[in-house]
Amino acid sequence: MNWLKTTVLLAGLTGLLLALGAAFGGETGMVLALGLAVVMNFGAYWYSDKLVLKMHHAREVSRQQAPELYETVEFLARRAGLPMPRVYIIQDDSPNAFATGRNPQHAAVAATTGLMRTLSRDELAGVMAHELSHVYHRDILISTVAATIAGAIAMLANMAQWALIFGFGRGGDSEEGGGGIGALVMMILAPVAAGLIQMAVSRSREYAADKRGAELCGNPLWLANALRKLEAAAQRVPMQRAESHPASAHLFIVNPLRGRDVAKLFSTHPPIDDRVQRLEQMAGRLAA
């Protein structure tokens, strides 16, 4: 069900991008929009992992430097049938973690020093299982594509608005009648709609990673307990670098930004209470 929802949402994003291009420049605008998305996705595919790791000053560690984290990831990767990802630590008191990489062969997982101090070994296993589930399902690539298309829509809308101001594009043709107003409305609303769809994709993949992660580590309550701790600690100590780079917030296991008490529609993450409840129900079914 989550995969079907994700597919529909990505199709919606693509359709929105093409509709925006058509509203501005007809068939030529559609080609421009599609070309922009292809170029941006190509760059994101090859370089997004390096950028996000550098952005958060992540440091790669070996088994000797971080034995508990490294061995936990190694055990879970072997159990999931995945290649061993690179392991990184971020010097930050806020407990959090993320996975990145375009495919399982080029994956990396990163954990903050705050996470290492906050969680027990079992809870750490639950979090790393969640992140490896993102790798297993190639969620990082899916989220990157969604974010890139949403970014392309925002960029194209901005370009189109400036073009209309200076009399270029379909909206500047008086023969179009109300077409110019319709195009302008489209250019204002399309980035908002794209952002909402991108957030919905992110939430859908988080639920799927929770489920698969619970199965991988063997105990849904390990992840449920970890999520409770991470949410409480993250509210007390938000990540400073994440607030400077909010575009990377969707990668983390819990929202690293301030202002988490916003409507579900505008969040990159499902509510923690909902995620915990699902995991507890899963644990109940396994115990029955």
Protein backbone atom coordinates (compact mmCIF):
# COMPACT_ATOMS: atom_id res chain seq x y z
CA MET A 1 0.00 0.00 0.00
CA ASN A 2 2.84 2.40 0.87
CA TRP A 3 4.54 1.70 -2.48
CA LEU A 4 1.28 2.37 -4.36
CA LYS A 5 0.82 5.62 -2.46
CA THR A 6 4.42 6.66 -3.18
CA THR A 7 4.03 5.87 -6.89
CA VAL A 8 0.83 7.91 -7.12
CA LEU A 9 2.44 10.85 -5.29
CA LEU A 10 5.54 10.83 -7.53
CA ALA A 11 3.30 10.67 -10.58
CA GLY A 12 1.39 13.64 -9.19
CA LEU A 13 4.62 15.59 -8.76
CA THR A 14 5.67 14.86 -12.32
CA GLY A 15 2.26 15.83 -13.65
CA LEU A 16 2.37 19.06 -11.68
CA LEU A 17 5.78 19.89 -13.13
CA LEU A 18 4.58 19.31 -16.70
CA ALA A 19 1.36 21.25 -16.10
CA LEU A 20 3.36 24.21 -14.82
CA GLY A 21 5.61 24.09 -17.87
CA ALA A 22 2.57 23.93 -20.16
CA ALA A 23 0.88 26.84 -18.36
CA PHE A 24 3.90 29.01 -19.00
CA GLY A 25 5.12 27.91 -22.42
CA GLY A 26 2.87 25.25 -23.95
CA GLU A 27 4.73 22.27 -25.42
CA THR A 28 8.03 24.15 -25.27
CA GLY A 29 7.45 24.85 -21.59
CA MET A 30 6.74 21.18 -20.92
CA VAL A 31 10.00 20.17 -22.60
CA LEU A 32 11.87 22.82 -20.60
CA ALA A 33 10.30 21.59 -17.35
CA LEU A 34 11.12 17.95 -18.10
CA GLY A 35 14.69 18.82 -19.10
CA LEU A 36 15.19 20.82 -15.90
CA ALA A 37 13.95 17.89 -13.80
CA VAL A 38 16.25 15.43 -15.61
CA VAL A 39 19.34 17.62 -15.11
CA MET A 40 18.57 18.24 -11.43
CA ASN A 41 17.85 14.56 -10.77
CA PHE A 42 21.10 13.55 -12.46
CA GLY A 43 23.05 15.85 -10.15
CA ALA A 44 21.12 14.71 -7.09
CA TYR A 45 21.63 11.03 -7.99
CA TRP A 46 25.41 11.34 -8.10
CA TYR A 47 26.18 13.99 -5.49
CA SER A 48 23.38 14.30 -2.91
CA ASP A 49 24.99 11.82 -0.47
CA LYS A 50 28.32 13.63 -0.49
CA LEU A 51 26.61 16.99 -0.05
CA VAL A 52 24.46 16.00 2.92
CA LEU A 53 27.37 14.30 4.74
CA LYS A 54 29.56 17.35 4.20
CA MET A 55 26.71 19.67 5.17
CA HIS A 56 26.45 18.04 8.60
CA HIS A 57 30.22 17.64 9.05
CA ALA A 58 29.87 13.85 9.27
CA ARG A 59 33.07 11.93 9.98
CA GLU A 60 33.53 8.38 8.69
CA VAL A 61 34.48 5.91 11.44
CA SER A 62 35.95 2.42 11.54
CA ARG A 63 35.19 -0.55 13.78
CA GLN A 64 38.01 0.52 16.08
CA GLN A 65 36.76 4.11 16.39
CA ALA A 66 33.08 3.31 17.07
CA PRO A 67 32.81 -0.43 17.79
CA GLU A 68 29.22 -0.53 19.11
CA LEU A 69 27.74 1.48 16.24
CA TYR A 70 29.84 -0.21 13.56
CA GLU A 71 29.13 -3.75 14.77
CA THR A 72 25.41 -3.06 15.12
CA VAL A 73 25.23 -1.79 11.53
CA GLU A 74 27.37 -4.70 10.31
CA PHE A 75 25.13 -7.31 11.97
CA LEU A 76 21.91 -5.73 10.67
CA ALA A 77 23.28 -5.25 7.15
CA ARG A 78 24.29 -8.92 7.03
CA ARG A 79 20.84 -9.93 8.30
CA ALA A 80 19.13 -7.76 5.66
CA GLY A 81 21.36 -9.11 2.87
CA LEU A 82 22.83 -5.66 2.21
CA PRO A 83 26.43 -4.62 1.49
CA MET A 84 28.10 -3.03 4.50
CA PRO A 85 27.41 0.72 4.31
CA ARG A 86 29.91 3.36 5.34
CA VAL A 87 29.39 4.48 8.92
CA TYR A 88 29.56 8.14 9.98
CA ILE A 89 29.30 10.07 13.24
CA ILE A 90 28.06 13.66 13.51
CA GLN A 91 29.31 15.73 16.43
CA ASP A 92 25.96 17.01 17.72
CA ASP A 93 24.23 16.74 21.10
CA SER A 94 20.81 16.33 19.50
CA PRO A 95 20.11 12.58 19.11
CA ASN A 96 19.28 11.67 15.53
CA ALA A 97 20.34 9.55 12.55
CA PHE A 98 19.92 9.27 8.79
CA ALA A 99 20.86 7.13 5.81
CA THR A 100 21.98 8.37 2.42
CA GLY A 101 23.38 7.05 -0.85
CA ARG A 102 21.96 6.41 -4.31
CA ASN A 103 21.79 2.60 -3.91
CA PRO A 104 22.76 -0.17 -1.43
CA GLN A 105 26.25 -0.40 -2.94
CA HIS A 106 26.92 3.29 -2.21
CA ALA A 107 25.01 3.71 1.06
CA ALA A 108 26.05 5.41 4.27
CA VAL A 109 24.45 5.68 7.70
CA ALA A 110 25.15 8.51 10.11
CA ALA A 111 24.40 8.89 13.82
CA THR A 112 24.93 11.86 16.09
CA THR A 113 27.02 11.68 19.24
CA GLY A 114 23.85 12.61 21.12
CA LEU A 115 22.14 9.48 19.80
CA MET A 116 25.04 7.31 20.94
CA ARG A 117 24.77 8.69 24.46
CA THR A 118 20.97 8.57 24.68
CA LEU A 119 20.05 5.08 23.48
CA SER A 120 20.64 1.59 24.81
CA ARG A 121 22.22 -0.99 22.51
CA ASP A 122 18.81 -2.50 21.69
CA GLU A 123 17.33 0.93 20.90
CA LEU A 124 20.37 1.73 18.75
CA ALA A 125 19.72 -1.50 16.84
CA GLY A 126 16.11 -0.39 16.27
CA VAL A 127 17.22 2.97 14.85
CA MET A 128 19.91 1.49 12.61
CA ALA A 129 17.45 -1.16 11.38
CA HIS A 130 15.09 1.67 10.41
CA GLU A 131 17.87 3.43 8.48
CA LEU A 132 18.98 0.26 6.72
CA SER A 133 15.36 -0.31 5.73
CA HIS A 134 15.52 2.99 3.87
CA VAL A 135 18.60 1.64 2.08
CA TYR A 136 16.89 -1.70 1.35
CA HIS A 137 13.82 -0.01 -0.15
CA ARG A 138 15.93 2.64 -1.98
CA ASP A 139 13.93 5.29 -0.15
CA ILE A 140 16.85 7.72 -0.28
CA LEU A 141 16.67 7.78 -4.07
CA ILE A 142 12.87 8.12 -3.99
CA SER A 143 13.01 10.99 -1.50
CA THR A 144 15.79 12.66 -3.50
CA VAL A 145 13.76 12.45 -6.70
CA ALA A 146 10.69 13.87 -4.92
CA ALA A 147 12.70 16.71 -3.39
CA THR A 148 14.41 17.45 -6.70
CA ILE A 149 11.17 17.57 -8.70
CA ALA A 150 9.64 19.81 -6.03
CA GLY A 151 12.72 22.02 -6.29
CA ALA A 152 12.44 22.10 -10.07
CA ILE A 153 8.81 23.19 -9.77
CA ALA A 154 9.73 25.98 -7.38
CA MET A 155 12.59 27.12 -9.65
CA LEU A 156 10.45 26.99 -12.80
CA ALA A 157 7.61 28.87 -11.08
CA ASN A 158 10.02 31.58 -10.00
CA MET A 159 11.46 31.88 -13.52
CA ALA A 160 7.99 31.94 -15.03
CA GLN A 161 6.77 34.69 -12.71
CA TRP A 162 9.71 36.90 -13.66
CA ALA A 163 9.11 36.13 -17.34
CA LEU A 164 5.47 37.17 -17.02
CA ILE A 165 6.46 40.39 -15.29
CA PHE A 166 8.61 41.31 -18.30
CA GLY A 167 5.98 40.22 -20.82
CA PHE A 168 7.38 36.87 -21.93
CA GLY A 169 5.64 33.53 -22.02
CA ARG A 170 2.03 32.62 -22.80
CA GLY A 171 0.67 34.80 -20.02
CA GLY A 172 1.98 37.92 -21.74
CA ASP A 173 -0.10 37.32 -24.89
CA SER A 174 -3.30 39.38 -24.80
CA GLU A 175 -5.01 36.87 -27.14
CA GLU A 176 -4.98 34.35 -24.35
CA GLY A 177 -7.57 36.38 -22.43
CA GLY A 178 -7.66 35.03 -18.89
CA GLY A 179 -4.82 32.61 -19.62
CA GLY A 180 -2.28 34.94 -18.09
CA ILE A 181 -4.14 35.04 -14.79
CA GLY A 182 -4.59 31.27 -14.81
CA ALA A 183 -0.90 30.76 -15.47
CA LEU A 184 0.03 33.15 -12.68
CA VAL A 185 -2.24 31.34 -10.22
CA MET A 186 -0.67 28.04 -11.31
CA MET A 187 2.82 29.44 -10.74
CA ILE A 188 1.90 30.53 -7.21
CA LEU A 189 0.06 27.38 -6.17
CA ALA A 190 2.23 24.74 -7.89
CA PRO A 191 5.25 25.08 -5.53
CA VAL A 192 2.94 24.83 -2.50
CA ALA A 193 1.26 21.71 -3.88
CA ALA A 194 4.65 20.22 -4.78
CA GLY A 195 5.94 20.79 -1.26
CA LEU A 196 2.88 19.07 0.21
CA ILE A 197 3.28 16.08 -2.10
CA GLN A 198 6.99 15.81 -1.27
CA MET A 199 6.17 15.77 2.45
CA ALA A 200 3.52 13.09 1.88
CA VAL A 201 6.10 10.92 0.07
CA SER A 202 8.48 11.33 3.02
CA ARG A 203 5.82 10.36 5.58
CA SER A 204 4.81 7.30 3.58
CA ARG A 205 8.40 6.03 3.41
CA GLU A 206 8.90 6.59 7.17
CA TYR A 207 6.00 4.28 8.00
CA ALA A 208 7.39 1.61 5.68
CA ALA A 209 10.88 1.91 7.19
CA ASP A 210 9.46 1.61 10.73
CA LYS A 211 7.72 -1.64 9.79
CA ARG A 212 10.67 -3.17 7.97
CA GLY A 213 13.10 -1.93 10.62
CA ALA A 214 11.07 -3.57 13.40
CA GLU A 215 11.13 -6.84 11.47
CA LEU A 216 14.86 -6.55 10.84
CA CYS A 217 15.92 -5.89 14.43
CA GLY A 218 13.47 -8.50 15.74
CA ASN A 219 11.62 -6.38 18.31
CA PRO A 220 9.29 -3.49 17.39
CA LEU A 221 9.51 -2.11 20.92
CA TRP A 222 13.24 -1.36 20.52
CA LEU A 223 12.41 1.15 17.80
CA ALA A 224 9.29 2.41 19.59
CA ASN A 225 11.27 3.17 22.76
CA ALA A 226 14.02 4.82 20.71
CA LEU A 227 11.52 7.07 18.91
CA ARG A 228 10.07 8.26 22.23
CA LYS A 229 13.51 9.14 23.54
CA LEU A 230 14.64 10.82 20.32
CA GLU A 231 11.53 12.96 20.02
CA ALA A 232 11.74 14.15 23.63
CA ALA A 233 15.48 14.89 23.40
CA ALA A 234 15.26 16.54 19.97
CA GLN A 235 12.68 19.01 21.29
CA ARG A 236 15.05 20.00 24.10
CA VAL A 237 18.17 20.11 21.90
CA PRO A 238 17.38 20.79 18.21
CA MET A 239 20.11 20.26 15.63
CA GLN A 240 21.78 23.58 14.77
CA ARG A 241 23.08 22.44 11.38
CA ALA A 242 19.70 21.00 10.41
CA GLU A 243 18.09 24.36 11.11
CA SER A 244 20.68 25.95 8.81
CA HIS A 245 19.93 23.35 6.10
CA PRO A 246 16.19 22.51 6.41
CA ALA A 247 16.13 20.77 3.00
CA SER A 248 17.85 17.77 4.63
CA ALA A 249 15.31 17.44 7.47
CA HIS A 250 13.34 14.68 5.72
CA LEU A 251 16.37 12.37 5.87
CA PHE A 252 16.46 12.09 9.66
CA ILE A 253 14.57 9.48 11.67
CA VAL A 254 12.85 12.22 13.70
CA ASN A 255 12.30 15.81 12.63
CA PRO A 256 15.44 17.74 13.68
CA LEU A 257 13.82 21.17 13.34
CA ARG A 258 12.01 23.41 15.79
CA GLY A 259 8.27 23.90 15.55
CA ARG A 260 7.22 20.27 15.33
CA ASP A 261 3.69 21.02 16.54
CA VAL A 262 2.46 21.83 13.05
CA ALA A 263 -0.34 20.28 11.05
CA LYS A 264 0.35 16.77 9.77
CA LEU A 265 -0.10 18.03 6.22
CA PHE A 266 2.96 20.27 6.50
CA SER A 267 5.31 17.79 8.22
CA THR A 268 8.05 15.69 6.63
CA HIS A 269 7.57 13.05 9.36
CA PRO A 270 4.51 11.20 10.67
CA PRO A 271 3.54 12.01 14.29
CA ILE A 272 5.75 10.11 16.73
CA ASP A 273 2.72 8.96 18.76
CA ASP A 274 1.24 7.41 15.63
CA ARG A 275 4.50 5.67 14.73
CA VAL A 276 4.93 4.34 18.27
CA GLN A 277 1.32 3.11 18.36
CA ARG A 278 1.81 1.19 15.11
CA LEU A 279 4.99 -0.42 16.43
CA GLU A 280 3.31 -1.38 19.71
CA GLN A 281 0.41 -2.94 17.80
CA MET A 282 2.94 -4.84 15.71
CA ALA A 283 4.65 -6.09 18.88
CA GLY A 284 1.26 -7.21 20.23
CA ARG A 285 0.54 -9.21 17.10
CA LEU A 286 3.94 -10.91 17.26
CA ALA A 287 3.43 -11.79 20.93
CA ALA A 288 -0.06 -13.25 20.33
